[in-house]
Amino acid sequence: MLRHHRVHAELGSLKAELERLAVARPDPPLAPEPSAGQELPSEPPPEAPSGTEAAEAAEAAEAGRLLAELRDTLSDAGGEAEAVIARHPLAAVAGAFLLGIAVGRVWGVLRS
């Protein structure tokens, strides 16, 4: 049970960190649309890398690292769930059955 709480705490902290990164990196402004007589340029003008691009690259690398950590944590939790189900198959089937009944009852109440 302690492992279960630790996994949820880790997932919560990863989610908060990803949300913080998403807020810290605003979307770039959209390019203005050309007028009726104006043509679109064939190639964008070359730009020198700026400090913001380097910061964005670092944030993207950090987000990738966090996603990999999240994937590993979820994989560990899935492996733990498989082990619990293997140790207690009857309890797992009974739990799934009862969960299905509960979801069906709630769904029926919400639909009526």
PDB file of N, CA and C in Angstrom:
ATOM      1  N   MET A   1       0.828  -1.186   0.000  1.00  0.00           N
ATOM      2  CA  MET A   1       0.000   0.000   0.000  1.00  0.00           C
ATOM      3  C   MET A   1       0.875   1.252   0.000  1.00  0.00           C
ATOM      4  N   LEU A   2       2.008   1.191   0.713  1.00  0.00           N
ATOM      5  CA  LEU A   2       2.915   2.323   0.754  1.00  0.00           C
ATOM      6  C   LEU A   2       3.453   2.615  -0.638  1.00  0.00           C
ATOM      7  N   ARG A   3       3.743   1.571  -1.385  1.00  0.00           N
ATOM      8  CA  ARG A   3       4.242   1.739  -2.755  1.00  0.00           C
ATOM      9  C   ARG A   3       3.189   2.433  -3.615  1.00  0.00           C
ATOM     10  N   HIS A   4       1.925   2.086  -3.404  1.00  0.00           N
ATOM     11  CA  HIS A   4       0.820   2.683  -4.145  1.00  0.00           C
ATOM     12  C   HIS A   4       0.775   4.194  -3.909  1.00  0.00           C
ATOM     13  N   HIS A   5       0.893   4.605  -2.660  1.00  0.00           N
ATOM     14  CA  HIS A   5       0.867   6.033  -2.339  1.00  0.00           C
ATOM     15  C   HIS A   5       2.099   6.747  -2.896  1.00  0.00           C
ATOM     16  N   ARG A   6       3.231   6.069  -2.867  1.00  0.00           N
ATOM     17  CA  ARG A   6       4.456   6.663  -3.387  1.00  0.00           C
ATOM     18  C   ARG A   6       4.348   6.878  -4.898  1.00  0.00           C
ATOM     19  N   VAL A   7       3.737   5.930  -5.602  1.00  0.00           N
ATOM     20  CA  VAL A   7       3.560   6.064  -7.053  1.00  0.00           C
ATOM     21  C   VAL A   7       2.634   7.239  -7.348  1.00  0.00           C
ATOM     22  N   HIS A   8       1.520   7.342  -6.612  1.00  0.00           N
ATOM     23  CA  HIS A   8       0.601   8.457  -6.834  1.00  0.00           C
ATOM     24  C   HIS A   8       1.261   9.796  -6.517  1.00  0.00           C
ATOM     25  N   ALA A   9       2.078   9.848  -5.472  1.00  0.00           N
ATOM     26  CA  ALA A   9       2.782  11.085  -5.128  1.00  0.00           C
ATOM     27  C   ALA A   9       3.765  11.456  -6.236  1.00  0.00           C
ATOM     28  N   GLU A  10       4.480  10.473  -6.764  1.00  0.00           N
ATOM     29  CA  GLU A  10       5.437  10.726  -7.844  1.00  0.00           C
ATOM     30  C   GLU A  10       4.723  11.201  -9.103  1.00  0.00           C
ATOM     31  N   LEU A  11       3.600  10.551  -9.450  1.00  0.00           N
ATOM     32  CA  LEU A  11       2.835  10.972 -10.623  1.00  0.00           C
ATOM     33  C   LEU A  11       2.303  12.395 -10.447  1.00  0.00           C
ATOM     34  N   GLY A  12       1.849  12.721  -9.250  1.00  0.00           N
ATOM     35  CA  GLY A  12       1.355  14.071  -8.982  1.00  0.00           C
ATOM     36  C   GLY A  12       2.445  15.110  -9.136  1.00  0.00           C
ATOM     37  N   SER A  13       3.640  14.812  -8.631  1.00  0.00           N
ATOM     38  CA  SER A  13       4.734  15.778  -8.751  1.00  0.00           C
ATOM     39  C   SER A  13       5.175  15.923 -10.204  1.00  0.00           C
ATOM     40  N   LEU A  14       5.190  14.838 -10.964  1.00  0.00           N
ATOM     41  CA  LEU A  14       5.545  14.929 -12.387  1.00  0.00           C
ATOM     42  C   LEU A  14       4.519  15.736 -13.161  1.00  0.00           C
ATOM     43  N   LYS A  15       3.248  15.527 -12.858  1.00  0.00           N
ATOM     44  CA  LYS A  15       2.187  16.280 -13.528  1.00  0.00           C
ATOM     45  C   LYS A  15       2.316  17.766 -13.231  1.00  0.00           C
ATOM     46  N   ALA A  16       2.572  18.110 -11.961  1.00  0.00           N
ATOM     47  CA  ALA A  16       2.728  19.520 -11.581  1.00  0.00           C
ATOM     48  C   ALA A  16       3.922  20.143 -12.293  1.00  0.00           C
ATOM     49  N   GLU A  17       5.008  19.391 -12.418  1.00  0.00           N
ATOM     50  CA  GLU A  17       6.192  19.919 -13.084  1.00  0.00           C
ATOM     51  C   GLU A  17       5.949  20.119 -14.579  1.00  0.00           C
ATOM     52  N   LEU A  18       5.239  19.183 -15.214  1.00  0.00           N
ATOM     53  CA  LEU A  18       4.907  19.350 -16.632  1.00  0.00           C
ATOM     54  C   LEU A  18       3.990  20.551 -16.844  1.00  0.00           C
ATOM     55  N   GLU A  19       3.026  20.751 -15.952  1.00  0.00           N
ATOM     56  CA  GLU A  19       2.146  21.919 -16.069  1.00  0.00           C
ATOM     57  C   GLU A  19       2.932  23.210 -15.881  1.00  0.00           C
ATOM     58  N   ARG A  20       3.890  23.202 -14.946  1.00  0.00           N
ATOM     59  CA  ARG A  20       4.722  24.389 -14.725  1.00  0.00           C
ATOM     60  C   ARG A  20       5.533  24.704 -15.983  1.00  0.00           C
ATOM     61  N   LEU A  21       6.077  23.677 -16.628  1.00  0.00           N
ATOM     62  CA  LEU A  21       6.840  23.891 -17.859  1.00  0.00           C
ATOM     63  C   LEU A  21       5.952  24.393 -18.986  1.00  0.00           C
ATOM     64  N   ALA A  22       4.733  23.893 -19.058  1.00  0.00           N
ATOM     65  CA  ALA A  22       3.814  24.335 -20.107  1.00  0.00           C
ATOM     66  C   ALA A  22       3.430  25.793 -19.912  1.00  0.00           C
ATOM     67  N   VAL A  23       3.251  26.225 -18.676  1.00  0.00           N
ATOM     68  CA  VAL A  23       2.905  27.624 -18.406  1.00  0.00           C
ATOM     69  C   VAL A  23       4.103  28.526 -18.653  1.00  0.00           C
ATOM     70  N   ALA A  24       5.296  28.056 -18.333  1.00  0.00           N
ATOM     71  CA  ALA A  24       6.499  28.861 -18.486  1.00  0.00           C
ATOM     72  C   ALA A  24       6.859  29.081 -19.946  1.00  0.00           C
ATOM     73  N   ARG A  25       6.383  28.236 -20.825  1.00  0.00           N
ATOM     74  CA  ARG A  25       6.717  28.346 -22.250  1.00  0.00           C
ATOM     75  C   ARG A  25       5.480  28.737 -23.034  1.00  0.00           C
ATOM     76  N   PRO A  26       5.242  30.031 -23.232  1.00  0.00           N
ATOM     77  CA  PRO A  26       4.054  30.442 -23.976  1.00  0.00           C
ATOM     78  C   PRO A  26       4.184  30.090 -25.453  1.00  0.00           C
ATOM     79  N   ASP A  27       3.048  29.963 -26.110  1.00  0.00           N
ATOM     80  CA  ASP A  27       3.043  29.672 -27.539  1.00  0.00           C
ATOM     81  C   ASP A  27       3.599  30.868 -28.305  1.00  0.00           C
ATOM     82  N   PRO A  28       4.347  30.624 -29.387  1.00  0.00           N
ATOM     83  CA  PRO A  28       4.874  31.744 -30.169  1.00  0.00           C
ATOM     84  C   PRO A  28       3.736  32.452 -30.888  1.00  0.00           C
ATOM     85  N   PRO A  29       3.892  33.760 -31.163  1.00  0.00           N
ATOM     86  CA  PRO A  29       2.834  34.483 -31.873  1.00  0.00           C
ATOM     87  C   PRO A  29       2.684  33.954 -33.295  1.00  0.00           C
ATOM     88  N   LEU A  30       1.477  34.002 -33.810  1.00  0.00           N
ATOM     89  CA  LEU A  30       1.218  33.553 -35.170  1.00  0.00           C
ATOM     90  C   LEU A  30       1.721  34.589 -36.161  1.00  0.00           C
ATOM     91  N   ALA A  31       2.186  34.132 -37.317  1.00  0.00           N
ATOM     92  CA  ALA A  31       2.638  35.042 -38.359  1.00  0.00           C
ATOM     93  C   ALA A  31       1.425  35.707 -38.996  1.00  0.00           C
ATOM     94  N   PRO A  32       1.527  36.992 -39.341  1.00  0.00           N
ATOM     95  CA  PRO A  32       0.383  37.662 -39.977  1.00  0.00           C
ATOM     96  C   PRO A  32       0.103  37.057 -41.344  1.00  0.00           C
ATOM     97  N   GLU A  33      -1.160  37.016 -41.703  1.00  0.00           N
ATOM     98  CA  GLU A  33      -1.540  36.486 -43.009  1.00  0.00           C
ATOM     99  C   GLU A  33      -1.248  37.528 -44.079  1.00  0.00           C
ATOM    100  N   PRO A  34      -0.834  37.096 -45.290  1.00  0.00           N
ATOM    101  CA  PRO A  34      -0.522  38.051 -46.343  1.00  0.00           C
ATOM    102  C   PRO A  34      -1.790  38.717 -46.879  1.00  0.00           C
ATOM    103  N   SER A  35      -1.624  39.931 -47.390  1.00  0.00           N
ATOM    104  CA  SER A  35      -2.745  40.647 -48.012  1.00  0.00           C
ATOM    105  C   SER A  35      -3.087  39.993 -49.337  1.00  0.00           C
ATOM    106  N   ALA A  36      -4.147  40.494 -49.978  1.00  0.00           N
ATOM    107  CA  ALA A  36      -4.627  39.892 -51.224  1.00  0.00           C
ATOM    108  C   ALA A  36      -3.557  39.890 -52.305  1.00  0.00           C
ATOM    109  N   GLY A  37      -2.794  40.958 -52.465  1.00  0.00           N
ATOM    110  CA  GLY A  37      -1.807  41.044 -53.536  1.00  0.00           C
ATOM    111  C   GLY A  37      -0.432  40.561 -53.120  1.00  0.00           C
ATOM    112  N   GLN A  38      -0.245  40.230 -51.874  1.00  0.00           N
ATOM    113  CA  GLN A  38       1.055  39.845 -51.357  1.00  0.00           C
ATOM    114  C   GLN A  38       1.298  38.356 -51.553  1.00  0.00           C
ATOM    115  N   GLU A  39       2.542  37.995 -51.891  1.00  0.00           N
ATOM    116  CA  GLU A  39       2.905  36.590 -52.046  1.00  0.00           C
ATOM    117  C   GLU A  39       3.588  36.093 -50.783  1.00  0.00           C
ATOM    118  N   LEU A  40       3.450  34.812 -50.534  1.00  0.00           N
ATOM    119  CA  LEU A  40       4.145  34.198 -49.409  1.00  0.00           C
ATOM    120  C   LEU A  40       5.605  33.989 -49.778  1.00  0.00           C
ATOM    121  N   PRO A  41       6.532  34.224 -48.869  1.00  0.00           N
ATOM    122  CA  PRO A  41       7.934  33.955 -49.184  1.00  0.00           C
ATOM    123  C   PRO A  41       8.150  32.453 -49.348  1.00  0.00           C
ATOM    124  N   SER A  42       9.058  32.094 -50.283  1.00  0.00           N
ATOM    125  CA  SER A  42       9.302  30.678 -50.544  1.00  0.00           C
ATOM    126  C   SER A  42      10.055  30.029 -49.388  1.00  0.00           C
ATOM    127  N   GLU A  43      10.943  30.748 -48.747  1.00  0.00           N
ATOM    128  CA  GLU A  43      11.700  30.224 -47.616  1.00  0.00           C
ATOM    129  C   GLU A  43      11.697  31.263 -46.509  1.00  0.00           C
ATOM    130  N   PRO A  44      11.623  30.805 -45.286  1.00  0.00           N
ATOM    131  CA  PRO A  44      11.708  31.780 -44.199  1.00  0.00           C
ATOM    132  C   PRO A  44      13.119  32.344 -44.121  1.00  0.00           C
ATOM    133  N   PRO A  45      13.256  33.594 -43.699  1.00  0.00           N
ATOM    134  CA  PRO A  45      14.600  34.166 -43.601  1.00  0.00           C
ATOM    135  C   PRO A  45      15.399  33.450 -42.520  1.00  0.00           C
ATOM    136  N   PRO A  46      16.704  33.277 -42.745  1.00  0.00           N
ATOM    137  CA  PRO A  46      17.515  32.592 -41.728  1.00  0.00           C
ATOM    138  C   PRO A  46      17.610  33.469 -40.480  1.00  0.00           C
ATOM    139  N   GLU A  47      17.480  32.810 -39.338  1.00  0.00           N
ATOM    140  CA  GLU A  47      17.546  33.530 -38.072  1.00  0.00           C
ATOM    141  C   GLU A  47      18.686  32.963 -37.241  1.00  0.00           C
ATOM    142  N   ALA A  48      19.325  33.831 -36.519  1.00  0.00           N
ATOM    143  CA  ALA A  48      20.376  33.391 -35.607  1.00  0.00           C
ATOM    144  C   ALA A  48      19.722  32.811 -34.365  1.00  0.00           C
ATOM    145  N   PRO A  49      20.263  31.735 -33.824  1.00  0.00           N
ATOM    146  CA  PRO A  49      19.678  31.178 -32.604  1.00  0.00           C
ATOM    147  C   PRO A  49      19.774  32.198 -31.471  1.00  0.00           C
ATOM    148  N   SER A  50      18.693  32.332 -30.751  1.00  0.00           N
ATOM    149  CA  SER A  50      18.671  33.295 -29.655  1.00  0.00           C
ATOM    150  C   SER A  50      18.679  32.565 -28.318  1.00  0.00           C
ATOM    151  N   GLY A  51      18.734  33.336 -27.262  1.00  0.00           N
ATOM    152  CA  GLY A  51      18.725  32.764 -25.922  1.00  0.00           C
ATOM    153  C   GLY A  51      17.417  32.070 -25.617  1.00  0.00           C
ATOM    154  N   THR A  52      16.322  32.601 -26.179  1.00  0.00           N
ATOM    155  CA  THR A  52      15.034  31.964 -25.916  1.00  0.00           C
ATOM    156  C   THR A  52      14.948  30.603 -26.598  1.00  0.00           C
ATOM    157  N   GLU A  53      15.551  30.473 -27.780  1.00  0.00           N
ATOM    158  CA  GLU A  53      15.543  29.173 -28.457  1.00  0.00           C
ATOM    159  C   GLU A  53      16.339  28.150 -27.654  1.00  0.00           C
ATOM    160  N   ALA A  54      17.453  28.575 -27.091  1.00  0.00           N
ATOM    161  CA  ALA A  54      18.257  27.669 -26.270  1.00  0.00           C
ATOM    162  C   ALA A  54      17.483  27.274 -25.019  1.00  0.00           C
ATOM    163  N   ALA A  55      16.763  28.237 -24.435  1.00  0.00           N
ATOM    164  CA  ALA A  55      15.959  27.939 -23.249  1.00  0.00           C
ATOM    165  C   ALA A  55      14.826  26.986 -23.602  1.00  0.00           C
ATOM    166  N   GLU A  56      14.206  27.195 -24.763  1.00  0.00           N
ATOM    167  CA  GLU A  56      13.129  26.305 -25.208  1.00  0.00           C
ATOM    168  C   GLU A  56      13.661  24.899 -25.450  1.00  0.00           C
ATOM    169  N   ALA A  57      14.855  24.800 -26.019  1.00  0.00           N
ATOM    170  CA  ALA A  57      15.456  23.485 -26.254  1.00  0.00           C
ATOM    171  C   ALA A  57      15.744  22.790 -24.926  1.00  0.00           C
ATOM    172  N   ALA A  58      16.203  23.556 -23.943  1.00  0.00           N
ATOM    173  CA  ALA A  58      16.465  22.973 -22.626  1.00  0.00           C
ATOM    174  C   ALA A  58      15.167  22.522 -21.969  1.00  0.00           C
ATOM    175  N   GLU A  59      14.108  23.326 -22.111  1.00  0.00           N
ATOM    176  CA  GLU A  59      12.806  22.947 -21.550  1.00  0.00           C
ATOM    177  C   GLU A  59      12.260  21.701 -22.243  1.00  0.00           C
ATOM    178  N   ALA A  60      12.447  21.615 -23.563  1.00  0.00           N
ATOM    179  CA  ALA A  60      11.984  20.439 -24.294  1.00  0.00           C
ATOM    180  C   ALA A  60      12.745  19.193 -23.838  1.00  0.00           C
ATOM    181  N   ALA A  61      14.031  19.335 -23.603  1.00  0.00           N
ATOM    182  CA  ALA A  61      14.826  18.198 -23.120  1.00  0.00           C
ATOM    183  C   ALA A  61      14.362  17.792 -21.726  1.00  0.00           C
ATOM    184  N   GLU A  62      14.074  18.774 -20.883  1.00  0.00           N
ATOM    185  CA  GLU A  62      13.594  18.486 -19.534  1.00  0.00           C
ATOM    186  C   GLU A  62      12.232  17.805 -19.582  1.00  0.00           C
ATOM    187  N   ALA A  63      11.347  18.282 -20.469  1.00  0.00           N
ATOM    188  CA  ALA A  63      10.030  17.652 -20.614  1.00  0.00           C
ATOM    189  C   ALA A  63      10.184  16.212 -21.108  1.00  0.00           C
ATOM    190  N   GLY A  64      11.097  15.982 -22.016  1.00  0.00           N
ATOM    191  CA  GLY A  64      11.356  14.620 -22.489  1.00  0.00           C
ATOM    192  C   GLY A  64      11.859  13.724 -21.382  1.00  0.00           C
ATOM    193  N   ARG A  65      12.733  14.257 -20.536  1.00  0.00           N
ATOM    194  CA  ARG A  65      13.248  13.491 -19.406  1.00  0.00           C
ATOM    195  C   ARG A  65      12.118  13.155 -18.435  1.00  0.00           C
ATOM    196  N   LEU A  66      11.247  14.143 -18.182  1.00  0.00           N
ATOM    197  CA  LEU A  66      10.124  13.916 -17.275  1.00  0.00           C
ATOM    198  C   LEU A  66       9.157  12.878 -17.843  1.00  0.00           C
ATOM    199  N   LEU A  67       8.920  12.927 -19.147  1.00  0.00           N
ATOM    200  CA  LEU A  67       8.030  11.940 -19.764  1.00  0.00           C
ATOM    201  C   LEU A  67       8.636  10.538 -19.695  1.00  0.00           C
ATOM    202  N   ALA A  68       9.939  10.440 -19.880  1.00  0.00           N
ATOM    203  CA  ALA A  68      10.599   9.133 -19.775  1.00  0.00           C
ATOM    204  C   ALA A  68      10.497   8.611 -18.342  1.00  0.00           C
ATOM    205  N   GLU A  69      10.660   9.503 -17.374  1.00  0.00           N
ATOM    206  CA  GLU A  69      10.530   9.104 -15.970  1.00  0.00           C
ATOM    207  C   GLU A  69       9.104   8.670 -15.662  1.00  0.00           C
ATOM    208  N   LEU A  70       8.128   9.394 -16.215  1.00  0.00           N
ATOM    209  CA  LEU A  70       6.721   9.031 -16.031  1.00  0.00           C
ATOM    210  C   LEU A  70       6.436   7.666 -16.646  1.00  0.00           C
ATOM    211  N   ARG A  71       6.979   7.427 -17.846  1.00  0.00           N
ATOM    212  CA  ARG A  71       6.804   6.131 -18.506  1.00  0.00           C
ATOM    213  C   ARG A  71       7.367   5.000 -17.652  1.00  0.00           C
ATOM    214  N   ASP A  72       8.557   5.225 -17.097  1.00  0.00           N
ATOM    215  CA  ASP A  72       9.178   4.204 -16.246  1.00  0.00           C
ATOM    216  C   ASP A  72       8.354   3.956 -14.989  1.00  0.00           C
ATOM    217  N   THR A  73       7.839   5.034 -14.381  1.00  0.00           N
ATOM    218  CA  THR A  73       7.033   4.900 -13.166  1.00  0.00           C
ATOM    219  C   THR A  73       5.750   4.137 -13.456  1.00  0.00           C
ATOM    220  N   LEU A  74       5.099   4.473 -14.576  1.00  0.00           N
ATOM    221  CA  LEU A  74       3.868   3.767 -14.940  1.00  0.00           C
ATOM    222  C   LEU A  74       4.145   2.313 -15.275  1.00  0.00           C
ATOM    223  N   SER A  75       5.275   2.046 -15.892  1.00  0.00           N
ATOM    224  CA  SER A  75       5.652   0.670 -16.203  1.00  0.00           C
ATOM    225  C   SER A  75       5.861  -0.130 -14.920  1.00  0.00           C
ATOM    226  N   ASP A  76       6.523   0.502 -13.939  1.00  0.00           N
ATOM    227  CA  ASP A  76       6.721  -0.171 -12.649  1.00  0.00           C
ATOM    228  C   ASP A  76       5.385  -0.437 -11.967  1.00  0.00           C
ATOM    229  N   ALA A  77       4.479   0.540 -12.015  1.00  0.00           N
ATOM    230  CA  ALA A  77       3.159   0.371 -11.388  1.00  0.00           C
ATOM    231  C   ALA A  77       2.380  -0.739 -12.093  1.00  0.00           C
ATOM    232  N   GLY A  78       2.488  -0.809 -13.413  1.00  0.00           N
ATOM    233  CA  GLY A  78       1.825  -1.878 -14.160  1.00  0.00           C
ATOM    234  C   GLY A  78       2.383  -3.239 -13.798  1.00  0.00           C
ATOM    235  N   GLY A  79       3.692  -3.326 -13.648  1.00  0.00           N
ATOM    236  CA  GLY A  79       4.308  -4.590 -13.235  1.00  0.00           C
ATOM    237  C   GLY A  79       3.874  -5.003 -11.843  1.00  0.00           C
ATOM    238  N   GLU A  80       3.760  -4.015 -10.957  1.00  0.00           N
ATOM    239  CA  GLU A  80       3.300  -4.308  -9.603  1.00  0.00           C
ATOM    240  C   GLU A  80       1.846  -4.783  -9.624  1.00  0.00           C
ATOM    241  N   ALA A  81       1.014  -4.148 -10.450  1.00  0.00           N
ATOM    242  CA  ALA A  81      -0.386  -4.571 -10.556  1.00  0.00           C
ATOM    243  C   ALA A  81      -0.475  -6.001 -11.086  1.00  0.00           C
ATOM    244  N   GLU A  82       0.347  -6.333 -12.063  1.00  0.00           N
ATOM    245  CA  GLU A  82       0.356  -7.703 -12.588  1.00  0.00           C
ATOM    246  C   GLU A  82       0.737  -8.704 -11.496  1.00  0.00           C
ATOM    247  N   ALA A  83       1.696  -8.335 -10.666  1.00  0.00           N
ATOM    248  CA  ALA A  83       2.130  -9.232  -9.597  1.00  0.00           C
ATOM    249  C   ALA A  83       1.013  -9.448  -8.577  1.00  0.00           C
ATOM    250  N   VAL A  84       0.291  -8.375  -8.234  1.00  0.00           N
ATOM    251  CA  VAL A  84      -0.816  -8.492  -7.274  1.00  0.00           C
ATOM    252  C   VAL A  84      -1.918  -9.367  -7.859  1.00  0.00           C
ATOM    253  N   ILE A  85      -2.230  -9.171  -9.134  1.00  0.00           N
ATOM    254  CA  ILE A  85      -3.280  -9.974  -9.785  1.00  0.00           C
ATOM    255  C   ILE A  85      -2.858 -11.438  -9.846  1.00  0.00           C
ATOM    256  N   ALA A  86      -1.569 -11.690 -10.114  1.00  0.00           N
ATOM    257  CA  ALA A  86      -1.091 -13.077 -10.170  1.00  0.00           C
ATOM    258  C   ALA A  86      -1.168 -13.748  -8.798  1.00  0.00           C
ATOM    259  N   ARG A  87      -0.927 -12.974  -7.737  1.00  0.00           N
ATOM    260  CA  ARG A  87      -1.000 -13.543  -6.387  1.00  0.00           C
ATOM    261  C   ARG A  87      -2.440 -13.757  -5.934  1.00  0.00           C
ATOM    262  N   HIS A  88      -3.368 -12.899  -6.394  1.00  0.00           N
ATOM    263  CA  HIS A  88      -4.760 -12.958  -5.942  1.00  0.00           C
ATOM    264  C   HIS A  88      -5.711 -12.866  -7.135  1.00  0.00           C
ATOM    265  N   PRO A  89      -5.746 -13.880  -8.001  1.00  0.00           N
ATOM    266  CA  PRO A  89      -6.576 -13.774  -9.214  1.00  0.00           C
ATOM    267  C   PRO A  89      -8.069 -13.706  -8.914  1.00  0.00           C
ATOM    268  N   LEU A  90      -8.551 -14.468  -7.950  1.00  0.00           N
ATOM    269  CA  LEU A  90      -9.976 -14.453  -7.650  1.00  0.00           C
ATOM    270  C   LEU A  90     -10.407 -13.084  -7.116  1.00  0.00           C
ATOM    271  N   ALA A  91      -9.616 -12.511  -6.250  1.00  0.00           N
ATOM    272  CA  ALA A  91      -9.924 -11.183  -5.715  1.00  0.00           C
ATOM    273  C   ALA A  91      -9.899 -10.135  -6.836  1.00  0.00           C
ATOM    274  N   ALA A  92      -8.982 -10.267  -7.783  1.00  0.00           N
ATOM    275  CA  ALA A  92      -8.898  -9.316  -8.890  1.00  0.00           C
ATOM    276  C   ALA A  92     -10.137  -9.407  -9.777  1.00  0.00           C
ATOM    277  N   VAL A  93     -10.579 -10.623 -10.078  1.00  0.00           N
ATOM    278  CA  VAL A  93     -11.776 -10.797 -10.910  1.00  0.00           C
ATOM    279  C   VAL A  93     -13.007 -10.282 -10.170  1.00  0.00           C
ATOM    280  N   ALA A  94     -13.111 -10.598  -8.873  1.00  0.00           N
ATOM    281  CA  ALA A  94     -14.252 -10.127  -8.094  1.00  0.00           C
ATOM    282  C   ALA A  94     -14.248  -8.601  -8.007  1.00  0.00           C
ATOM    283  N   GLY A  95     -13.086  -7.999  -7.832  1.00  0.00           N
ATOM    284  CA  GLY A  95     -12.987  -6.536  -7.794  1.00  0.00           C
ATOM    285  C   GLY A  95     -13.387  -5.902  -9.110  1.00  0.00           C
ATOM    286  N   ALA A  96     -12.942  -6.499 -10.210  1.00  0.00           N
ATOM    287  CA  ALA A  96     -13.311  -5.971 -11.526  1.00  0.00           C
ATOM    288  C   ALA A  96     -14.817  -6.099 -11.755  1.00  0.00           C
ATOM    289  N   PHE A  97     -15.387  -7.208 -11.334  1.00  0.00           N
ATOM    290  CA  PHE A  97     -16.824  -7.421 -11.479  1.00  0.00           C
ATOM    291  C   PHE A  97     -17.603  -6.366 -10.683  1.00  0.00           C
ATOM    292  N   LEU A  98     -17.215  -6.168  -9.424  1.00  0.00           N
ATOM    293  CA  LEU A  98     -17.896  -5.185  -8.586  1.00  0.00           C
ATOM    294  C   LEU A  98     -17.707  -3.766  -9.126  1.00  0.00           C
ATOM    295  N   LEU A  99     -16.546  -3.464  -9.635  1.00  0.00           N
ATOM    296  CA  LEU A  99     -16.312  -2.160 -10.233  1.00  0.00           C
ATOM    297  C   LEU A  99     -17.212  -1.964 -11.458  1.00  0.00           C
ATOM    298  N   GLY A 100     -17.369  -3.009 -12.261  1.00  0.00           N
ATOM    299  CA  GLY A 100     -18.253  -2.934 -13.419  1.00  0.00           C
ATOM    300  C   GLY A 100     -19.699  -2.692 -13.016  1.00  0.00           C
ATOM    301  N   ILE A 101     -20.145  -3.364 -11.949  1.00  0.00           N
ATOM    302  CA  ILE A 101     -21.510  -3.145 -11.467  1.00  0.00           C
ATOM    303  C   ILE A 101     -21.673  -1.705 -10.984  1.00  0.00           C
ATOM    304  N   ALA A 102     -20.686  -1.206 -10.230  1.00  0.00           N
ATOM    305  CA  ALA A 102     -20.767   0.163  -9.712  1.00  0.00           C
ATOM    306  C   ALA A 102     -20.794   1.182 -10.840  1.00  0.00           C
ATOM    307  N   VAL A 103     -19.941   1.007 -11.841  1.00  0.00           N
ATOM    308  CA  VAL A 103     -19.913   1.934 -12.977  1.00  0.00           C
ATOM    309  C   VAL A 103     -21.237   1.870 -13.740  1.00  0.00           C
ATOM    310  N   GLY A 104     -21.761   0.669 -13.916  1.00  0.00           N
ATOM    311  CA  GLY A 104     -23.047   0.528 -14.600  1.00  0.00           C
ATOM    312  C   GLY A 104     -24.176   1.209 -13.854  1.00  0.00           C
ATOM    313  N   ARG A 105     -24.189   1.090 -12.536  1.00  0.00           N
ATOM    314  CA  ARG A 105     -25.229   1.755 -11.728  1.00  0.00           C
ATOM    315  C   ARG A 105     -25.129   3.261 -11.840  1.00  0.00           C
ATOM    316  N   VAL A 106     -23.899   3.779 -11.724  1.00  0.00           N
ATOM    317  CA  VAL A 106     -23.697   5.237 -11.836  1.00  0.00           C
ATOM    318  C   VAL A 106     -24.095   5.714 -13.233  1.00  0.00           C
ATOM    319  N   TRP A 107     -23.715   4.980 -14.239  1.00  0.00           N
ATOM    320  CA  TRP A 107     -24.040   5.353 -15.609  1.00  0.00           C
ATOM    321  C   TRP A 107     -25.561   5.377 -15.793  1.00  0.00           C
ATOM    322  N   GLY A 108     -26.235   4.373 -15.245  1.00  0.00           N
ATOM    323  CA  GLY A 108     -27.691   4.311 -15.350  1.00  0.00           C
ATOM    324  C   GLY A 108     -28.361   5.484 -14.644  1.00  0.00           C
ATOM    325  N   VAL A 109     -27.834   5.877 -13.490  1.00  0.00           N
ATOM    326  CA  VAL A 109     -28.402   7.016 -12.764  1.00  0.00           C
ATOM    327  C   VAL A 109     -28.162   8.309 -13.532  1.00  0.00           C
ATOM    328  N   LEU A 110     -27.006   8.456 -14.114  1.00  0.00           N
ATOM    329  CA  LEU A 110     -26.689   9.675 -14.864  1.00  0.00           C
ATOM    330  C   LEU A 110     -27.495   9.790 -16.155  1.00  0.00           C
ATOM    331  N   ARG A 111     -27.810   8.686 -16.780  1.00  0.00           N
ATOM    332  CA  ARG A 111     -28.541   8.706 -18.055  1.00  0.00           C
ATOM    333  C   ARG A 111     -30.030   8.932 -17.857  1.00  0.00           C
ATOM    334  N   SER A 112     -30.554   8.644 -16.658  1.00  0.00           N
ATOM    335  CA  SER A 112     -31.997   8.817 -16.459  1.00  0.00           C
ATOM    336  C   SER A 112     -32.337  10.147 -15.828  1.00  0.00           C
TER     337      SER A 112
END
